[in-house]
Amino acid sequence: MAASRKGENVPRPPKKTEFEVRFATTDARRGWLDLVATIRNAMADTWDFLTRTPLTTTPTNYQLRGELGTIVRGNVTHERWQHKPTLKGGARVWFYVEERTVWLEQVHTSHPNETK
């Protein structure tokens, strides 16, 4: 176990029934941090949703369609989903699920051009 530093954040451990959330790209990490800085409460709700029920279709969470509906990682094809942190805002989180891990592939701070 690596030595920790004083003041370092303590990550919330997932429950056994929850999914783990990970960044699939550096850009996704950057977008996530930008959204947390601007819509913190909505992103906390997004975190809760993605750890508990990422594959549930709702008005703010659904599989993308057409050529955007799948993504290939490591020669495996996955369904690509989109989550809207707020009902009226333009931010979008694109992700795919592999076993019990939600991979954040793209995090858009505004409505992505690909889905306009």
N, C-alpha and C. Protein backbone atom coordinates (compact mmCIF):
# COMPACT_ATOMS: atom_id res chain seq x y z
N MET A 1 0.84 -1.18 0.00
CA MET A 1 0.00 0.00 0.00
C MET A 1 0.89 1.24 0.00
N ALA A 2 0.55 2.19 -0.87
CA ALA A 2 1.35 3.40 -0.99
C ALA A 2 1.12 4.29 0.22
N ALA A 3 2.16 5.04 0.56
CA ALA A 3 2.05 5.97 1.68
C ALA A 3 1.10 7.10 1.30
N SER A 4 0.27 7.50 2.23
CA SER A 4 -0.65 8.59 1.94
C SER A 4 -0.09 9.89 2.50
N ARG A 5 -0.63 10.96 2.00
CA ARG A 5 -0.20 12.29 2.43
C ARG A 5 -1.27 12.90 3.30
N LYS A 6 -0.85 13.72 4.23
CA LYS A 6 -1.79 14.44 5.08
C LYS A 6 -2.66 15.33 4.20
N GLY A 7 -3.95 15.27 4.40
CA GLY A 7 -4.88 16.09 3.64
C GLY A 7 -5.38 15.45 2.35
N GLU A 8 -4.87 14.28 2.02
CA GLU A 8 -5.29 13.59 0.80
C GLU A 8 -6.74 13.13 0.93
N ASN A 9 -7.51 13.24 -0.17
CA ASN A 9 -8.90 12.80 -0.15
C ASN A 9 -8.98 11.30 0.11
N VAL A 10 -10.00 10.91 0.83
CA VAL A 10 -10.26 9.49 1.08
C VAL A 10 -11.33 9.06 0.08
N PRO A 11 -11.02 8.15 -0.84
CA PRO A 11 -12.03 7.73 -1.81
C PRO A 11 -13.14 6.92 -1.14
N ARG A 12 -14.37 7.15 -1.60
CA ARG A 12 -15.50 6.40 -1.06
C ARG A 12 -15.42 4.97 -1.59
N PRO A 13 -15.41 3.99 -0.70
CA PRO A 13 -15.38 2.60 -1.17
C PRO A 13 -16.75 2.21 -1.71
N PRO A 14 -16.78 1.54 -2.86
CA PRO A 14 -18.07 1.11 -3.39
C PRO A 14 -18.63 -0.06 -2.60
N LYS A 15 -19.94 -0.10 -2.48
CA LYS A 15 -20.59 -1.27 -1.89
C LYS A 15 -20.43 -2.43 -2.86
N LYS A 16 -20.59 -3.64 -2.38
CA LYS A 16 -20.42 -4.82 -3.23
C LYS A 16 -21.43 -4.84 -4.38
N THR A 17 -22.58 -4.20 -4.19
CA THR A 17 -23.60 -4.18 -5.24
C THR A 17 -23.40 -3.04 -6.22
N GLU A 18 -22.47 -2.14 -5.94
CA GLU A 18 -22.26 -0.98 -6.79
C GLU A 18 -21.21 -1.22 -7.86
N PHE A 19 -21.28 -0.37 -8.87
CA PHE A 19 -20.28 -0.38 -9.93
C PHE A 19 -19.14 0.55 -9.52
N GLU A 20 -17.96 0.26 -10.03
CA GLU A 20 -16.81 1.13 -9.84
C GLU A 20 -16.76 2.07 -11.04
N VAL A 21 -16.40 3.32 -10.83
CA VAL A 21 -16.31 4.29 -11.91
C VAL A 21 -14.84 4.62 -12.15
N ARG A 22 -14.41 4.52 -13.42
CA ARG A 22 -13.01 4.79 -13.79
C ARG A 22 -12.97 5.65 -15.05
N PHE A 23 -11.89 6.39 -15.20
CA PHE A 23 -11.67 7.17 -16.41
C PHE A 23 -11.06 6.29 -17.47
N ALA A 24 -11.62 6.33 -18.67
CA ALA A 24 -11.06 5.59 -19.80
C ALA A 24 -10.05 6.44 -20.56
N THR A 25 -10.14 7.77 -20.40
CA THR A 25 -9.25 8.68 -21.11
C THR A 25 -8.87 9.86 -20.21
N THR A 26 -7.77 10.50 -20.56
CA THR A 26 -7.34 11.70 -19.85
C THR A 26 -8.33 12.83 -20.08
N ASP A 27 -8.87 12.93 -21.31
CA ASP A 27 -9.86 13.97 -21.61
C ASP A 27 -11.13 13.80 -20.77
N ALA A 28 -11.53 12.56 -20.52
CA ALA A 28 -12.70 12.32 -19.68
C ALA A 28 -12.45 12.82 -18.26
N ARG A 29 -11.26 12.59 -17.77
CA ARG A 29 -10.89 13.07 -16.43
C ARG A 29 -10.96 14.59 -16.36
N ARG A 30 -10.40 15.23 -17.37
CA ARG A 30 -10.40 16.69 -17.43
C ARG A 30 -11.83 17.23 -17.48
N GLY A 31 -12.67 16.64 -18.34
CA GLY A 31 -14.06 17.08 -18.44
C GLY A 31 -14.82 16.87 -17.15
N TRP A 32 -14.59 15.73 -16.50
CA TRP A 32 -15.25 15.43 -15.23
C TRP A 32 -14.90 16.48 -14.18
N LEU A 33 -13.61 16.79 -14.06
CA LEU A 33 -13.18 17.78 -13.07
C LEU A 33 -13.75 19.16 -13.38
N ASP A 34 -13.84 19.52 -14.67
CA ASP A 34 -14.45 20.79 -15.05
C ASP A 34 -15.92 20.84 -14.64
N LEU A 35 -16.64 19.75 -14.87
CA LEU A 35 -18.06 19.72 -14.49
C LEU A 35 -18.24 19.74 -12.98
N VAL A 36 -17.39 19.04 -12.26
CA VAL A 36 -17.48 19.05 -10.79
C VAL A 36 -17.27 20.48 -10.28
N ALA A 37 -16.39 21.22 -10.94
CA ALA A 37 -16.12 22.60 -10.52
C ALA A 37 -17.31 23.53 -10.79
N THR A 38 -18.15 23.18 -11.76
CA THR A 38 -19.24 24.09 -12.13
C THR A 38 -20.63 23.60 -11.70
N ILE A 39 -20.85 22.29 -11.68
CA ILE A 39 -22.17 21.75 -11.27
C ILE A 39 -21.96 20.59 -10.28
N ARG A 40 -21.35 20.91 -9.17
CA ARG A 40 -20.94 19.90 -8.18
C ARG A 40 -22.09 19.00 -7.73
N ASN A 41 -23.22 19.56 -7.36
CA ASN A 41 -24.32 18.73 -6.84
C ASN A 41 -24.83 17.76 -7.90
N ALA A 42 -24.98 18.25 -9.14
CA ALA A 42 -25.44 17.38 -10.22
C ALA A 42 -24.43 16.27 -10.49
N MET A 43 -23.14 16.56 -10.35
CA MET A 43 -22.13 15.54 -10.59
C MET A 43 -22.09 14.52 -9.45
N ALA A 44 -22.40 14.95 -8.24
CA ALA A 44 -22.51 13.99 -7.13
C ALA A 44 -23.69 13.05 -7.39
N ASP A 45 -24.79 13.60 -7.90
CA ASP A 45 -25.94 12.76 -8.27
C ASP A 45 -25.58 11.83 -9.43
N THR A 46 -24.80 12.33 -10.38
CA THR A 46 -24.34 11.51 -11.50
C THR A 46 -23.51 10.35 -10.99
N TRP A 47 -22.61 10.63 -10.07
CA TRP A 47 -21.76 9.59 -9.47
C TRP A 47 -22.63 8.51 -8.84
N ASP A 48 -23.61 8.94 -8.05
CA ASP A 48 -24.51 7.98 -7.39
C ASP A 48 -25.24 7.13 -8.42
N PHE A 49 -25.76 7.75 -9.46
CA PHE A 49 -26.49 7.02 -10.50
C PHE A 49 -25.58 6.00 -11.18
N LEU A 50 -24.38 6.43 -11.58
CA LEU A 50 -23.47 5.55 -12.31
C LEU A 50 -22.96 4.40 -11.45
N THR A 51 -22.84 4.60 -10.16
CA THR A 51 -22.37 3.51 -9.31
C THR A 51 -23.49 2.52 -8.98
N ARG A 52 -24.73 2.97 -9.08
CA ARG A 52 -25.85 2.10 -8.68
C ARG A 52 -26.59 1.49 -9.87
N THR A 53 -26.94 2.31 -10.86
CA THR A 53 -27.82 1.83 -11.95
C THR A 53 -27.41 2.38 -13.31
N PRO A 54 -26.17 2.18 -13.74
CA PRO A 54 -25.72 2.81 -14.99
C PRO A 54 -26.43 2.32 -16.25
N LEU A 55 -27.01 1.13 -16.21
CA LEU A 55 -27.64 0.57 -17.41
C LEU A 55 -29.16 0.71 -17.39
N THR A 56 -29.67 1.61 -16.57
CA THR A 56 -31.09 1.88 -16.51
C THR A 56 -31.42 3.01 -17.48
N THR A 57 -32.39 2.79 -18.35
CA THR A 57 -32.80 3.81 -19.30
C THR A 57 -33.76 4.77 -18.61
N THR A 58 -33.42 6.05 -18.67
CA THR A 58 -34.25 7.13 -18.11
C THR A 58 -34.20 8.30 -19.10
N PRO A 59 -34.96 9.37 -18.85
CA PRO A 59 -34.86 10.54 -19.74
C PRO A 59 -33.45 11.15 -19.77
N THR A 60 -32.66 10.92 -18.74
CA THR A 60 -31.31 11.50 -18.69
C THR A 60 -30.21 10.46 -18.84
N ASN A 61 -30.56 9.19 -19.06
CA ASN A 61 -29.56 8.14 -19.21
C ASN A 61 -30.05 7.12 -20.23
N TYR A 62 -29.32 6.99 -21.32
CA TYR A 62 -29.77 6.08 -22.37
C TYR A 62 -28.61 5.72 -23.28
N GLN A 63 -28.79 4.63 -24.03
CA GLN A 63 -27.77 4.20 -24.98
C GLN A 63 -27.81 5.12 -26.19
N LEU A 64 -26.64 5.49 -26.67
CA LEU A 64 -26.57 6.28 -27.89
C LEU A 64 -26.97 5.42 -29.08
N ARG A 65 -27.40 6.06 -30.17
CA ARG A 65 -27.89 5.33 -31.34
C ARG A 65 -26.90 5.39 -32.49
N GLY A 66 -27.17 4.55 -33.48
CA GLY A 66 -26.37 4.56 -34.70
C GLY A 66 -24.92 4.20 -34.46
N GLU A 67 -24.04 4.83 -35.23
CA GLU A 67 -22.62 4.50 -35.11
C GLU A 67 -22.03 4.94 -33.78
N LEU A 68 -22.69 5.87 -33.08
CA LEU A 68 -22.22 6.28 -31.75
C LEU A 68 -22.64 5.28 -30.68
N GLY A 69 -23.54 4.35 -31.01
CA GLY A 69 -24.12 3.43 -30.04
C GLY A 69 -23.19 2.34 -29.55
N THR A 70 -22.04 2.17 -30.18
CA THR A 70 -21.08 1.17 -29.72
C THR A 70 -19.68 1.75 -29.74
N ILE A 71 -18.81 1.16 -28.95
CA ILE A 71 -17.40 1.53 -28.90
C ILE A 71 -16.59 0.25 -28.78
N VAL A 72 -15.47 0.19 -29.46
CA VAL A 72 -14.59 -0.98 -29.41
C VAL A 72 -13.38 -0.65 -28.56
N ARG A 73 -13.14 -1.45 -27.55
CA ARG A 73 -11.97 -1.32 -26.69
C ARG A 73 -11.34 -2.69 -26.53
N GLY A 74 -10.08 -2.80 -26.92
CA GLY A 74 -9.38 -4.08 -26.79
C GLY A 74 -10.06 -5.19 -27.57
N ASN A 75 -10.51 -4.91 -28.77
CA ASN A 75 -11.20 -5.88 -29.64
C ASN A 75 -12.54 -6.36 -29.09
N VAL A 76 -13.08 -5.66 -28.11
CA VAL A 76 -14.39 -6.00 -27.55
C VAL A 76 -15.33 -4.82 -27.82
N THR A 77 -16.52 -5.12 -28.33
CA THR A 77 -17.50 -4.08 -28.60
C THR A 77 -18.40 -3.91 -27.38
N HIS A 78 -18.58 -2.66 -26.98
CA HIS A 78 -19.42 -2.32 -25.82
C HIS A 78 -20.52 -1.36 -26.26
N GLU A 79 -21.65 -1.40 -25.57
CA GLU A 79 -22.70 -0.40 -25.78
C GLU A 79 -22.22 0.92 -25.19
N ARG A 80 -22.39 2.00 -25.94
CA ARG A 80 -22.02 3.33 -25.43
C ARG A 80 -23.29 4.01 -24.93
N TRP A 81 -23.23 4.51 -23.73
CA TRP A 81 -24.35 5.19 -23.08
C TRP A 81 -24.04 6.66 -22.90
N GLN A 82 -25.11 7.44 -22.75
CA GLN A 82 -24.98 8.87 -22.47
C GLN A 82 -25.78 9.19 -21.22
N HIS A 83 -25.15 9.96 -20.35
CA HIS A 83 -25.83 10.44 -19.14
C HIS A 83 -25.79 11.96 -19.15
N LYS A 84 -26.95 12.57 -18.89
CA LYS A 84 -27.04 14.02 -18.78
C LYS A 84 -27.07 14.36 -17.29
N PRO A 85 -26.06 15.06 -16.79
CA PRO A 85 -26.07 15.40 -15.36
C PRO A 85 -27.25 16.27 -14.95
N THR A 86 -27.73 17.12 -15.87
CA THR A 86 -28.91 17.95 -15.59
C THR A 86 -29.89 17.79 -16.76
N LEU A 87 -31.15 17.93 -16.48
CA LEU A 87 -32.17 17.73 -17.51
C LEU A 87 -32.08 18.78 -18.62
N LYS A 88 -31.78 20.03 -18.26
CA LYS A 88 -31.79 21.11 -19.24
C LYS A 88 -30.40 21.53 -19.70
N GLY A 89 -29.35 21.15 -19.02
CA GLY A 89 -28.00 21.57 -19.38
C GLY A 89 -27.44 20.79 -20.56
N GLY A 90 -26.33 21.27 -21.11
CA GLY A 90 -25.73 20.65 -22.26
C GLY A 90 -24.66 19.61 -21.94
N ALA A 91 -24.25 19.50 -20.70
CA ALA A 91 -23.19 18.56 -20.33
C ALA A 91 -23.62 17.13 -20.59
N ARG A 92 -22.67 16.30 -21.01
CA ARG A 92 -22.93 14.90 -21.31
C ARG A 92 -21.77 14.04 -20.82
N VAL A 93 -22.09 12.87 -20.32
CA VAL A 93 -21.08 11.89 -19.93
C VAL A 93 -21.31 10.65 -20.79
N TRP A 94 -20.32 10.29 -21.60
CA TRP A 94 -20.39 9.08 -22.43
C TRP A 94 -19.60 8.00 -21.74
N PHE A 95 -20.21 6.83 -21.63
CA PHE A 95 -19.56 5.75 -20.89
C PHE A 95 -19.94 4.40 -21.46
N TYR A 96 -19.19 3.41 -21.06
CA TYR A 96 -19.55 2.02 -21.35
C TYR A 96 -19.28 1.21 -20.09
N VAL A 97 -19.93 0.06 -20.01
CA VAL A 97 -19.82 -0.78 -18.82
C VAL A 97 -19.15 -2.09 -19.20
N GLU A 98 -18.18 -2.46 -18.39
CA GLU A 98 -17.48 -3.73 -18.56
C GLU A 98 -17.48 -4.44 -17.21
N GLU A 99 -18.25 -5.51 -17.14
CA GLU A 99 -18.48 -6.24 -15.88
C GLU A 99 -19.04 -5.28 -14.84
N ARG A 100 -18.32 -4.99 -13.76
CA ARG A 100 -18.83 -4.09 -12.70
C ARG A 100 -18.10 -2.75 -12.71
N THR A 101 -17.56 -2.38 -13.88
CA THR A 101 -16.85 -1.11 -14.00
C THR A 101 -17.52 -0.23 -15.05
N VAL A 102 -17.79 1.01 -14.67
CA VAL A 102 -18.28 2.02 -15.59
C VAL A 102 -17.06 2.81 -16.04
N TRP A 103 -16.79 2.78 -17.35
CA TRP A 103 -15.65 3.49 -17.92
C TRP A 103 -16.14 4.81 -18.52
N LEU A 104 -15.68 5.93 -17.96
CA LEU A 104 -16.03 7.24 -18.50
C LEU A 104 -15.13 7.49 -19.70
N GLU A 105 -15.74 7.47 -20.87
CA GLU A 105 -14.97 7.58 -22.10
C GLU A 105 -14.83 9.04 -22.54
N GLN A 106 -15.93 9.78 -22.52
CA GLN A 106 -15.91 11.20 -22.87
C GLN A 106 -16.82 11.93 -21.89
N VAL A 107 -16.35 13.08 -21.44
CA VAL A 107 -17.17 13.94 -20.59
C VAL A 107 -17.18 15.31 -21.23
N HIS A 108 -18.35 15.71 -21.71
CA HIS A 108 -18.51 16.97 -22.44
C HIS A 108 -19.11 18.03 -21.52
N THR A 109 -18.49 19.19 -21.48
CA THR A 109 -19.01 20.29 -20.66
C THR A 109 -20.15 21.02 -21.37
N SER A 110 -20.31 20.78 -22.66
CA SER A 110 -21.43 21.31 -23.42
C SER A 110 -21.92 20.23 -24.38
N HIS A 111 -23.05 20.48 -25.02
CA HIS A 111 -23.65 19.48 -25.90
C HIS A 111 -22.66 19.09 -27.00
N PRO A 112 -22.30 17.79 -27.12
CA PRO A 112 -21.36 17.39 -28.16
C PRO A 112 -21.95 17.52 -29.56
N ASN A 113 -21.12 17.99 -30.51
CA ASN A 113 -21.57 18.18 -31.88
C ASN A 113 -22.07 16.89 -32.52
N GLU A 114 -21.51 15.75 -32.13
CA GLU A 114 -21.87 14.48 -32.75
C GLU A 114 -23.34 14.11 -32.55
N THR A 115 -23.99 14.65 -31.52
CA THR A 115 -25.38 14.28 -31.24
C THR A 115 -26.35 15.43 -31.50
N LYS A 116 -25.88 16.51 -32.09
CA LYS A 116 -26.79 17.65 -32.39
C LYS A 116 -27.62 17.34 -33.61
